[in-house]
PDB file of N, CA and C in Angstrom:
ATOM      1  N   MET A   1      11.991 147.877 -10.650  1.00  0.00           N
ATOM      2  CA  MET A   1      12.552 147.878  -9.320  1.00  0.00           C
ATOM      3  C   MET A   1      14.075 147.865  -9.359  1.00  0.00           C
ATOM      4  N   SER A   2      14.673 147.281 -10.389  1.00  0.00           N
ATOM      5  CA  SER A   2      16.140 147.235 -10.456  1.00  0.00           C
ATOM      6  C   SER A   2      16.734 148.625 -10.645  1.00  0.00           C
ATOM      7  N   ILE A   3      16.006 149.528 -11.281  1.00  0.00           N
ATOM      8  CA  ILE A   3      16.498 150.896 -11.452  1.00  0.00           C
ATOM      9  C   ILE A   3      16.578 151.590 -10.093  1.00  0.00           C
ATOM     10  N   LEU A   4      15.583 151.354  -9.239  1.00  0.00           N
ATOM     11  CA  LEU A   4      15.622 151.937  -7.901  1.00  0.00           C
ATOM     12  C   LEU A   4      16.801 151.412  -7.093  1.00  0.00           C
ATOM     13  N   TRP A   5      17.080 150.109  -7.205  1.00  0.00           N
ATOM     14  CA  TRP A   5      18.235 149.530  -6.512  1.00  0.00           C
ATOM     15  C   TRP A   5      19.531 150.117  -7.045  1.00  0.00           C
ATOM     16  N   THR A   6      19.613 150.298  -8.357  1.00  0.00           N
ATOM     17  CA  THR A   6      20.815 150.884  -8.961  1.00  0.00           C
ATOM     18  C   THR A   6      21.040 152.295  -8.435  1.00  0.00           C
ATOM     19  N   ILE A   7      19.973 153.080  -8.348  1.00  0.00           N
ATOM     20  CA  ILE A   7      20.099 154.444  -7.853  1.00  0.00           C
ATOM     21  C   ILE A   7      20.484 154.444  -6.372  1.00  0.00           C
ATOM     22  N   LEU A   8      19.844 153.591  -5.585  1.00  0.00           N
ATOM     23  CA  LEU A   8      20.152 153.528  -4.158  1.00  0.00           C
ATOM     24  C   LEU A   8      21.589 153.078  -3.917  1.00  0.00           C
ATOM     25  N   LEU A   9      22.004 152.020  -4.578  1.00  0.00           N
ATOM     26  CA  LEU A   9      23.383 151.546  -4.418  1.00  0.00           C
ATOM     27  C   LEU A   9      24.388 152.551  -4.975  1.00  0.00           C
ATOM     28  N   GLY A  10      24.015 153.198  -6.075  1.00  0.00           N
ATOM     29  CA  GLY A  10      24.881 154.235  -6.636  1.00  0.00           C
ATOM     30  C   GLY A  10      25.077 155.383  -5.660  1.00  0.00           C
ATOM     31  N   PHE A  11      24.005 155.763  -4.977  1.00  0.00           N
ATOM     32  CA  PHE A  11      24.119 156.813  -3.977  1.00  0.00           C
ATOM     33  C   PHE A  11      25.030 156.376  -2.836  1.00  0.00           C
ATOM     34  N   LEU A  12      24.857 155.146  -2.369  1.00  0.00           N
ATOM     35  CA  LEU A  12      25.708 154.634  -1.290  1.00  0.00           C
ATOM     36  C   LEU A  12      27.176 154.595  -1.717  1.00  0.00           C
ATOM     37  N   VAL A  13      27.422 154.139  -2.936  1.00  0.00           N
ATOM     38  CA  VAL A  13      28.796 154.115  -3.454  1.00  0.00           C
ATOM     39  C   VAL A  13      29.358 155.528  -3.529  1.00  0.00           C
ATOM     40  N   GLY A  14      28.561 156.474  -4.012  1.00  0.00           N
ATOM     41  CA  GLY A  14      29.010 157.857  -4.105  1.00  0.00           C
ATOM     42  C   GLY A  14      29.329 158.462  -2.747  1.00  0.00           C
ATOM     43  N   VAL A  15      28.486 158.175  -1.750  1.00  0.00           N
ATOM     44  CA  VAL A  15      28.720 158.698  -0.405  1.00  0.00           C
ATOM     45  C   VAL A  15      29.998 158.114   0.188  1.00  0.00           C
ATOM     46  N   VAL A  16      30.188 156.813   0.042  1.00  0.00           N
ATOM     47  CA  VAL A  16      31.401 156.171   0.565  1.00  0.00           C
ATOM     48  C   VAL A  16      32.636 156.738  -0.143  1.00  0.00           C
ATOM     49  N   ALA A  17      32.551 156.907  -1.456  1.00  0.00           N
ATOM     50  CA  ALA A  17      33.693 157.445  -2.205  1.00  0.00           C
ATOM     51  C   ALA A  17      34.020 158.869  -1.768  1.00  0.00           C
ATOM     52  N   LYS A  18      32.982 159.697  -1.561  1.00  0.00           N
ATOM     53  CA  LYS A  18      33.232 161.068  -1.115  1.00  0.00           C
ATOM     54  C   LYS A  18      33.804 161.091   0.292  1.00  0.00           C
ATOM     55  N   PHE A  19      33.403 160.142   1.128  1.00  0.00           N
ATOM     56  CA  PHE A  19      33.940 160.056   2.486  1.00  0.00           C
ATOM     57  C   PHE A  19      35.420 159.677   2.468  1.00  0.00           C
ATOM     58  N   LEU A  20      35.799 158.766   1.571  1.00  0.00           N
ATOM     59  CA  LEU A  20      37.175 158.278   1.509  1.00  0.00           C
ATOM     60  C   LEU A  20      38.109 159.204   0.742  1.00  0.00           C
ATOM     61  N   HIS A  21      37.570 159.979  -0.183  1.00  0.00           N
ATOM     62  CA  HIS A  21      38.391 160.880  -0.998  1.00  0.00           C
ATOM     63  C   HIS A  21      38.594 162.193  -0.254  1.00  0.00           C
ATOM     64  N   PRO A  22      39.856 162.615  -0.053  1.00  0.00           N
ATOM     65  CA  PRO A  22      40.104 163.849   0.694  1.00  0.00           C
ATOM     66  C   PRO A  22      39.717 165.086  -0.110  1.00  0.00           C
ATOM     67  N   GLY A  23      39.386 166.148   0.601  1.00  0.00           N
ATOM     68  CA  GLY A  23      39.077 167.422  -0.037  1.00  0.00           C
ATOM     69  C   GLY A  23      37.592 167.617  -0.257  1.00  0.00           C
ATOM     70  N   ARG A  24      37.259 168.845  -0.665  1.00  0.00           N
ATOM     71  CA  ARG A  24      35.862 169.186  -0.938  1.00  0.00           C
ATOM     72  C   ARG A  24      35.666 169.235  -2.443  1.00  0.00           C
ATOM     73  N   ASP A  25      34.515 168.744  -2.881  1.00  0.00           N
ATOM     74  CA  ASP A  25      34.244 168.756  -4.309  1.00  0.00           C
ATOM     75  C   ASP A  25      32.984 169.549  -4.661  1.00  0.00           C
ATOM     76  N   GLY A  26      32.172 169.915  -3.681  1.00  0.00           N
ATOM     77  CA  GLY A  26      31.000 170.741  -3.929  1.00  0.00           C
ATOM     78  C   GLY A  26      29.877 170.054  -4.674  1.00  0.00           C
ATOM     79  N   MET A  27      29.791 168.743  -4.600  1.00  0.00           N
ATOM     80  CA  MET A  27      28.717 168.012  -5.277  1.00  0.00           C
ATOM     81  C   MET A  27      27.510 167.887  -4.362  1.00  0.00           C
ATOM     82  N   GLY A  28      26.342 167.953  -4.947  1.00  0.00           N
ATOM     83  CA  GLY A  28      25.113 167.763  -4.196  1.00  0.00           C
ATOM     84  C   GLY A  28      24.626 166.323  -4.267  1.00  0.00           C
ATOM     85  N   PHE A  29      23.388 166.130  -3.851  1.00  0.00           N
ATOM     86  CA  PHE A  29      22.774 164.808  -3.792  1.00  0.00           C
ATOM     87  C   PHE A  29      22.721 164.139  -5.172  1.00  0.00           C
ATOM     88  N   ILE A  30      22.277 164.871  -6.172  1.00  0.00           N
ATOM     89  CA  ILE A  30      22.114 164.302  -7.519  1.00  0.00           C
ATOM     90  C   ILE A  30      23.467 163.911  -8.104  1.00  0.00           C
ATOM     91  N   MET A  31      24.451 164.791  -7.999  1.00  0.00           N
ATOM     92  CA  MET A  31      25.770 164.487  -8.563  1.00  0.00           C
ATOM     93  C   MET A  31      26.461 163.354  -7.810  1.00  0.00           C
ATOM     94  N   THR A  32      26.213 163.251  -6.495  1.00  0.00           N
ATOM     95  CA  THR A  32      26.763 162.141  -5.728  1.00  0.00           C
ATOM     96  C   THR A  32      26.187 160.826  -6.226  1.00  0.00           C
ATOM     97  N   THR A  33      24.883 160.812  -6.486  1.00  0.00           N
ATOM     98  CA  THR A  33      24.233 159.609  -7.004  1.00  0.00           C
ATOM     99  C   THR A  33      24.751 159.261  -8.390  1.00  0.00           C
ATOM    100  N   VAL A  34      24.875 160.268  -9.250  1.00  0.00           N
ATOM    101  CA  VAL A  34      25.386 160.030 -10.603  1.00  0.00           C
ATOM    102  C   VAL A  34      26.817 159.502 -10.546  1.00  0.00           C
ATOM    103  N   LEU A  35      27.626 160.091  -9.689  1.00  0.00           N
ATOM    104  CA  LEU A  35      29.005 159.627  -9.514  1.00  0.00           C
ATOM    105  C   LEU A  35      29.035 158.158  -9.112  1.00  0.00           C
ATOM    106  N   GLY A  36      28.221 157.788  -8.159  1.00  0.00           N
ATOM    107  CA  GLY A  36      28.182 156.400  -7.700  1.00  0.00           C
ATOM    108  C   GLY A  36      27.693 155.441  -8.766  1.00  0.00           C
ATOM    109  N   VAL A  37      26.658 155.825  -9.497  1.00  0.00           N
ATOM    110  CA  VAL A  37      26.126 154.957 -10.550  1.00  0.00           C
ATOM    111  C   VAL A  37      27.152 154.777 -11.659  1.00  0.00           C
ATOM    112  N   VAL A  38      27.775 155.869 -12.078  1.00  0.00           N
ATOM    113  CA  VAL A  38      28.784 155.779 -13.144  1.00  0.00           C
ATOM    114  C   VAL A  38      29.992 154.976 -12.662  1.00  0.00           C
ATOM    115  N   GLY A  39      30.422 155.216 -11.437  1.00  0.00           N
ATOM    116  CA  GLY A  39      31.540 154.445 -10.878  1.00  0.00           C
ATOM    117  C   GLY A  39      31.211 152.965 -10.802  1.00  0.00           C
ATOM    118  N   SER A  40      29.982 152.653 -10.436  1.00  0.00           N
ATOM    119  CA  SER A  40      29.543 151.259 -10.363  1.00  0.00           C
ATOM    120  C   SER A  40      29.539 150.596 -11.731  1.00  0.00           C
ATOM    121  N   VAL A  41      29.014 151.302 -12.700  1.00  0.00           N
ATOM    122  CA  VAL A  41      28.931 150.732 -14.052  1.00  0.00           C
ATOM    123  C   VAL A  41      30.328 150.505 -14.624  1.00  0.00           C
ATOM    124  N   VAL A  42      31.184 151.518 -14.507  1.00  0.00           N
ATOM    125  CA  VAL A  42      32.531 151.407 -15.067  1.00  0.00           C
ATOM    126  C   VAL A  42      33.329 150.312 -14.364  1.00  0.00           C
ATOM    127  N   ALA A  43      33.349 150.346 -13.034  1.00  0.00           N
ATOM    128  CA  ALA A  43      34.125 149.352 -12.288  1.00  0.00           C
ATOM    129  C   ALA A  43      33.526 147.959 -12.424  1.00  0.00           C
ATOM    130  N   GLY A  44      32.199 147.868 -12.450  1.00  0.00           N
ATOM    131  CA  GLY A  44      31.557 146.568 -12.615  1.00  0.00           C
ATOM    132  C   GLY A  44      31.878 145.949 -13.966  1.00  0.00           C
ATOM    133  N   TYR A  45      31.820 146.763 -14.995  1.00  0.00           N
ATOM    134  CA  TYR A  45      32.126 146.272 -16.336  1.00  0.00           C
ATOM    135  C   TYR A  45      33.588 145.832 -16.430  1.00  0.00           C
ATOM    136  N   LEU A  46      34.498 146.679 -15.973  1.00  0.00           N
ATOM    137  CA  LEU A  46      35.921 146.340 -16.058  1.00  0.00           C
ATOM    138  C   LEU A  46      36.264 145.121 -15.198  1.00  0.00           C
ATOM    139  N   GLY A  47      35.710 145.053 -14.003  1.00  0.00           N
ATOM    140  CA  GLY A  47      35.993 143.923 -13.118  1.00  0.00           C
ATOM    141  C   GLY A  47      35.519 142.600 -13.683  1.00  0.00           C
ATOM    142  N   GLN A  48      34.363 142.613 -14.341  1.00  0.00           N
ATOM    143  CA  GLN A  48      33.846 141.384 -14.929  1.00  0.00           C
ATOM    144  C   GLN A  48      34.594 141.018 -16.203  1.00  0.00           C
ATOM    145  N   VAL A  49      34.958 142.018 -16.998  1.00  0.00           N
ATOM    146  CA  VAL A  49      35.708 141.750 -18.227  1.00  0.00           C
ATOM    147  C   VAL A  49      37.086 141.174 -17.901  1.00  0.00           C
ATOM    148  N   LEU A  50      37.712 141.719 -16.857  1.00  0.00           N
ATOM    149  CA  LEU A  50      39.036 141.240 -16.466  1.00  0.00           C
ATOM    150  C   LEU A  50      38.977 139.950 -15.655  1.00  0.00           C
ATOM    151  N   GLY A  51      37.778 139.496 -15.313  1.00  0.00           N
ATOM    152  CA  GLY A  51      37.618 138.254 -14.570  1.00  0.00           C
ATOM    153  C   GLY A  51      37.945 138.362 -13.091  1.00  0.00           C
ATOM    154  N   LEU A  52      37.893 139.571 -12.543  1.00  0.00           N
ATOM    155  CA  LEU A  52      38.208 139.768 -11.134  1.00  0.00           C
ATOM    156  C   LEU A  52      37.083 139.306 -10.216  1.00  0.00           C
ATOM    157  N   TYR A  53      35.846 139.438 -10.670  1.00  0.00           N
ATOM    158  CA  TYR A  53      34.687 139.019  -9.893  1.00  0.00           C
ATOM    159  C   TYR A  53      33.483 138.872 -10.813  1.00  0.00           C
ATOM    160  N   GLN A  54      32.433 138.256 -10.277  1.00  0.00           N
ATOM    161  CA  GLN A  54      31.182 138.078 -11.014  1.00  0.00           C
ATOM    162  C   GLN A  54      30.152 139.073 -10.494  1.00  0.00           C
ATOM    163  N   ALA A  55      29.073 139.232 -11.243  1.00  0.00           N
ATOM    164  CA  ALA A  55      28.001 140.138 -10.826  1.00  0.00           C
ATOM    165  C   ALA A  55      27.419 139.678  -9.494  1.00  0.00           C
ATOM    166  N   GLY A  56      27.177 140.617  -8.594  1.00  0.00           N
ATOM    167  CA  GLY A  56      26.567 140.315  -7.316  1.00  0.00           C
ATOM    168  C   GLY A  56      27.529 139.980  -6.196  1.00  0.00           C
ATOM    169  N   GLU A  57      28.814 139.941  -6.451  1.00  0.00           N
ATOM    170  CA  GLU A  57      29.793 139.650  -5.406  1.00  0.00           C
ATOM    171  C   GLU A  57      30.150 140.925  -4.643  1.00  0.00           C
ATOM    172  N   GLY A  58      30.588 140.768  -3.402  1.00  0.00           N
ATOM    173  CA  GLY A  58      30.968 141.908  -2.573  1.00  0.00           C
ATOM    174  C   GLY A  58      32.124 142.706  -3.140  1.00  0.00           C
ATOM    175  N   ALA A  59      32.987 142.034  -3.876  1.00  0.00           N
ATOM    176  CA  ALA A  59      34.118 142.735  -4.496  1.00  0.00           C
ATOM    177  C   ALA A  59      33.621 143.769  -5.494  1.00  0.00           C
ATOM    178  N   GLY A  60      32.449 143.560  -6.042  1.00  0.00           N
ATOM    179  CA  GLY A  60      31.873 144.527  -6.973  1.00  0.00           C
ATOM    180  C   GLY A  60      31.596 145.857  -6.303  1.00  0.00           C
ATOM    181  N   PHE A  61      31.141 145.817  -5.047  1.00  0.00           N
ATOM    182  CA  PHE A  61      30.897 147.056  -4.302  1.00  0.00           C
ATOM    183  C   PHE A  61      32.216 147.780  -4.060  1.00  0.00           C
ATOM    184  N   ILE A  62      33.225 147.037  -3.673  1.00  0.00           N
ATOM    185  CA  ILE A  62      34.541 147.635  -3.433  1.00  0.00           C
ATOM    186  C   ILE A  62      35.089 148.227  -4.735  1.00  0.00           C
ATOM    187  N   GLY A  63      34.960 147.492  -5.823  1.00  0.00           N
ATOM    188  CA  GLY A  63      35.397 147.994  -7.118  1.00  0.00           C
ATOM    189  C   GLY A  63      34.626 149.237  -7.533  1.00  0.00           C
ATOM    190  N   SER A  64      33.331 149.269  -7.219  1.00  0.00           N
ATOM    191  CA  SER A  64      32.517 150.435  -7.542  1.00  0.00           C
ATOM    192  C   SER A  64      32.977 151.661  -6.763  1.00  0.00           C
ATOM    193  N   VAL A  65      33.294 151.468  -5.499  1.00  0.00           N
ATOM    194  CA  VAL A  65      33.789 152.585  -4.683  1.00  0.00           C
ATOM    195  C   VAL A  65      35.124 153.079  -5.236  1.00  0.00           C
ATOM    196  N   LEU A  66      36.009 152.157  -5.596  1.00  0.00           N
ATOM    197  CA  LEU A  66      37.298 152.563  -6.172  1.00  0.00           C
ATOM    198  C   LEU A  66      37.099 153.300  -7.496  1.00  0.00           C
ATOM    199  N   GLY A  67      36.164 152.835  -8.309  1.00  0.00           N
ATOM    200  CA  GLY A  67      35.859 153.522  -9.562  1.00  0.00           C
ATOM    201  C   GLY A  67      35.310 154.912  -9.320  1.00  0.00           C
ATOM    202  N   ALA A  68      34.460 155.065  -8.305  1.00  0.00           N
ATOM    203  CA  ALA A  68      33.905 156.378  -7.985  1.00  0.00           C
ATOM    204  C   ALA A  68      34.984 157.311  -7.439  1.00  0.00           C
ATOM    205  N   ILE A  69      35.915 156.774  -6.652  1.00  0.00           N
ATOM    206  CA  ILE A  69      37.029 157.603  -6.151  1.00  0.00           C
ATOM    207  C   ILE A  69      37.884 158.076  -7.325  1.00  0.00           C
ATOM    208  N   LEU A  70      38.119 157.200  -8.272  1.00  0.00           N
ATOM    209  CA  LEU A  70      38.866 157.588  -9.467  1.00  0.00           C
ATOM    210  C   LEU A  70      38.137 158.702 -10.219  1.00  0.00           C
ATOM    211  N   LEU A  71      36.833 158.582 -10.344  1.00  0.00           N
ATOM    212  CA  LEU A  71      36.056 159.632 -11.010  1.00  0.00           C
ATOM    213  C   LEU A  71      36.110 160.944 -10.223  1.00  0.00           C
ATOM    214  N   LEU A  72      36.084 160.861  -8.892  1.00  0.00           N
ATOM    215  CA  LEU A  72      36.225 162.061  -8.071  1.00  0.00           C
ATOM    216  C   LEU A  72      37.574 162.736  -8.312  1.00  0.00           C
ATOM    217  N   PHE A  73      38.617 161.944  -8.409  1.00  0.00           N
ATOM    218  CA  PHE A  73      39.953 162.473  -8.664  1.00  0.00           C
ATOM    219  C   PHE A  73      39.994 163.193 -10.015  1.00  0.00           C
ATOM    220  N   VAL A  74      39.465 162.551 -11.036  1.00  0.00           N
ATOM    221  CA  VAL A  74      39.446 163.146 -12.377  1.00  0.00           C
ATOM    222  C   VAL A  74      38.596 164.419 -12.377  1.00  0.00           C
ATOM    223  N   TYR A  75      37.435 164.352 -11.726  1.00  0.00           N
ATOM    224  CA  TYR A  75      36.554 165.516 -11.635  1.00  0.00           C
ATOM    225  C   TYR A  75      37.266 166.687 -10.953  1.00  0.00           C
ATOM    226  N   GLY A  76      37.974 166.407  -9.873  1.00  0.00           N
ATOM    227  CA  GLY A  76      38.703 167.439  -9.159  1.00  0.00           C
ATOM    228  C   GLY A  76      39.784 168.078 -10.009  1.00  0.00           C
ATOM    229  N   ARG A  77      40.487 167.250 -10.787  1.00  0.00           N
ATOM    230  CA  ARG A  77      41.543 167.772 -11.677  1.00  0.00           C
ATOM    231  C   ARG A  77      40.945 168.640 -12.781  1.00  0.00           C
ATOM    232  N   LEU A  78      39.848 168.179 -13.375  1.00  0.00           N
ATOM    233  CA  LEU A  78      39.215 168.957 -14.447  1.00  0.00           C
ATOM    234  C   LEU A  78      38.621 170.254 -13.916  1.00  0.00           C
ATOM    235  N   LYS A  79      38.012 170.179 -12.757  1.00  0.00           N
ATOM    236  CA  LYS A  79      37.414 171.374 -12.152  1.00  0.00           C
ATOM    237  C   LYS A  79      38.493 172.369 -11.759  1.00  0.00           C
ATOM    238  N   GLY A  80      39.630 171.873 -11.279  1.00  0.00           N
ATOM    239  CA  GLY A  80      40.735 172.748 -10.889  1.00  0.00           C
ATOM    240  C   GLY A  80      41.344 173.471 -12.082  1.00  0.00           C
ATOM    241  N   LYS A  81      41.410 172.817 -13.240  1.00  0.00           N
ATOM    242  CA  LYS A  81      41.982 173.448 -14.423  1.00  0.00           C
ATOM    243  C   LYS A  81      41.046 174.485 -15.029  1.00  0.00           C
ATOM    244  N   SER A  82      39.736 174.257 -14.936  1.00  0.00           N
ATOM    245  CA  SER A  82      38.791 175.193 -15.546  1.00  0.00           C
ATOM    246  C   SER A  82      38.478 176.367 -14.637  1.00  0.00           C
ATOM    247  N   GLY A  83      38.738 176.226 -13.306  1.00  0.00           N
ATOM    248  CA  GLY A  83      38.363 177.278 -12.359  1.00  0.00           C
ATOM    249  C   GLY A  83      39.441 178.238 -12.032  1.00  0.00           C
TER     250      GLY A  83
END
């Protein structure tokens, strides 16, 4: 059941990040979910290692969204250079 929650929350994080990040990126449902999950994992790990928050705190969601926005920015830069 935790995998389903991770996917659902990852999708929500990805949607919020895409809403907040300007421009079009052309990602579909699957890539939005992957973006959110990866952003959550990266930001969650860094936030806990740096002692900014503990697992399950609301700041983790905010950190996950910021991590996903960062990934969107990097993705946009890489896609722009290859296209």
